[in-house]
Amino acid sequence: MSDNPTHYKFDHEVMSMIWVALHESGLEDLAQVVSDTMITQGCQELAGVADGDATTLLAFWKNFLEEKGLVHFSKTDIEELDG
């Protein structure tokens, strides 16, 4: 059996870059895992996103907002956010 660690520590900016790269590549399932993990661990702001890029920010927060019952996205809305 491997002695790999069960957890890794990454800088917030690195995780933000990873999420953006996954999102821009269309790998939404993996991007969602990353955003869920970041939000669960206390993420307050996605680093490295251009000012005024509300679409990217909303894509990052969409599942959290829906799970909390704060918003509801239609299928068309989600397709637009996912690119």
Protein backbone atom coordinates (compact mmCIF):
# COMPACT_ATOMS: atom_id res chain seq x y z
CA MET A 1 0.00 0.00 0.00
CA SER A 2 1.18 3.49 -0.84
CA ASP A 3 2.21 6.04 1.77
CA ASN A 4 0.72 8.96 -0.15
CA PRO A 5 -0.71 11.73 2.01
CA THR A 6 -4.49 11.87 2.34
CA HIS A 7 -4.54 15.67 1.87
CA TYR A 8 -2.45 18.25 0.07
CA LYS A 9 -2.07 21.95 0.84
CA PHE A 10 -2.24 24.44 -2.02
CA ASP A 11 -2.03 28.21 -2.06
CA HIS A 12 -5.37 29.97 -2.65
CA GLU A 13 -4.14 31.56 -5.88
CA VAL A 14 -2.98 28.18 -7.21
CA MET A 15 -6.37 26.62 -6.49
CA SER A 16 -8.08 29.57 -8.16
CA MET A 17 -5.91 29.10 -11.25
CA ILE A 18 -6.71 25.38 -11.28
CA TRP A 19 -10.45 26.08 -11.07
CA VAL A 20 -10.31 28.67 -13.87
CA ALA A 21 -8.30 26.29 -16.10
CA LEU A 22 -10.75 23.44 -15.50
CA HIS A 23 -13.74 25.70 -16.12
CA GLU A 24 -12.28 27.19 -19.31
CA SER A 25 -11.41 23.69 -20.54
CA GLY A 26 -15.01 22.56 -20.10
CA LEU A 27 -14.17 20.09 -17.36
CA GLU A 28 -17.10 21.21 -15.22
CA ASP A 29 -17.32 18.07 -13.06
CA LEU A 30 -13.72 18.50 -11.90
CA ALA A 31 -14.12 22.27 -11.63
CA GLN A 32 -17.10 21.67 -9.35
CA VAL A 33 -15.07 19.40 -7.08
CA VAL A 34 -12.44 22.12 -6.77
CA SER A 35 -14.94 24.94 -6.11
CA ASP A 36 -16.86 22.82 -3.58
CA THR A 37 -13.61 22.08 -1.75
CA MET A 38 -12.50 25.71 -1.81
CA ILE A 39 -15.85 26.99 -0.57
CA THR A 40 -16.06 24.33 2.17
CA GLN A 41 -12.60 25.38 3.36
CA GLY A 42 -13.63 29.04 3.57
CA CYS A 43 -13.05 30.60 0.15
CA GLN A 44 -14.47 34.11 0.09
CA GLU A 45 -13.16 35.34 -3.25
CA LEU A 46 -11.87 33.68 -6.40
CA ALA A 47 -8.40 35.05 -7.16
CA GLY A 48 -7.16 35.96 -10.61
CA VAL A 49 -10.51 36.76 -12.19
CA ALA A 50 -10.77 40.05 -14.06
CA ASP A 51 -12.83 42.79 -12.45
CA GLY A 52 -16.32 42.72 -13.86
CA ASP A 53 -16.14 39.06 -14.97
CA ALA A 54 -19.44 38.21 -13.32
CA THR A 55 -20.02 35.16 -15.53
CA THR A 56 -16.89 33.39 -14.28
CA LEU A 57 -17.59 34.33 -10.67
CA LEU A 58 -21.18 33.12 -10.93
CA ALA A 59 -20.01 29.84 -12.48
CA PHE A 60 -17.71 29.33 -9.48
CA TRP A 61 -20.48 30.00 -6.92
CA LYS A 62 -23.53 28.58 -8.77
CA ASN A 63 -23.85 25.20 -6.98
CA PHE A 64 -23.28 26.77 -3.56
CA LEU A 65 -25.94 29.40 -4.25
CA GLU A 66 -28.42 26.79 -5.50
CA GLU A 67 -27.78 24.43 -2.58
CA LYS A 68 -28.47 27.28 -0.15
CA GLY A 69 -31.72 28.05 -1.99
CA LEU A 70 -30.55 31.55 -2.85
CA VAL A 71 -30.95 31.19 -6.63
CA HIS A 72 -32.27 28.78 -9.22
CA PHE A 73 -30.72 28.44 -12.66
CA SER A 74 -32.55 27.13 -15.71
CA LYS A 75 -30.87 24.62 -18.02
CA THR A 76 -30.19 27.47 -20.48
CA ASP A 77 -28.58 29.57 -17.74
CA ILE A 78 -26.28 26.70 -16.75
CA GLU A 79 -25.26 26.02 -20.36
CA GLU A 80 -24.30 29.68 -20.75
CA LEU A 81 -22.28 29.64 -17.52
CA ASP A 82 -20.51 26.42 -18.43
CA GLY A 83 -19.47 27.91 -21.76
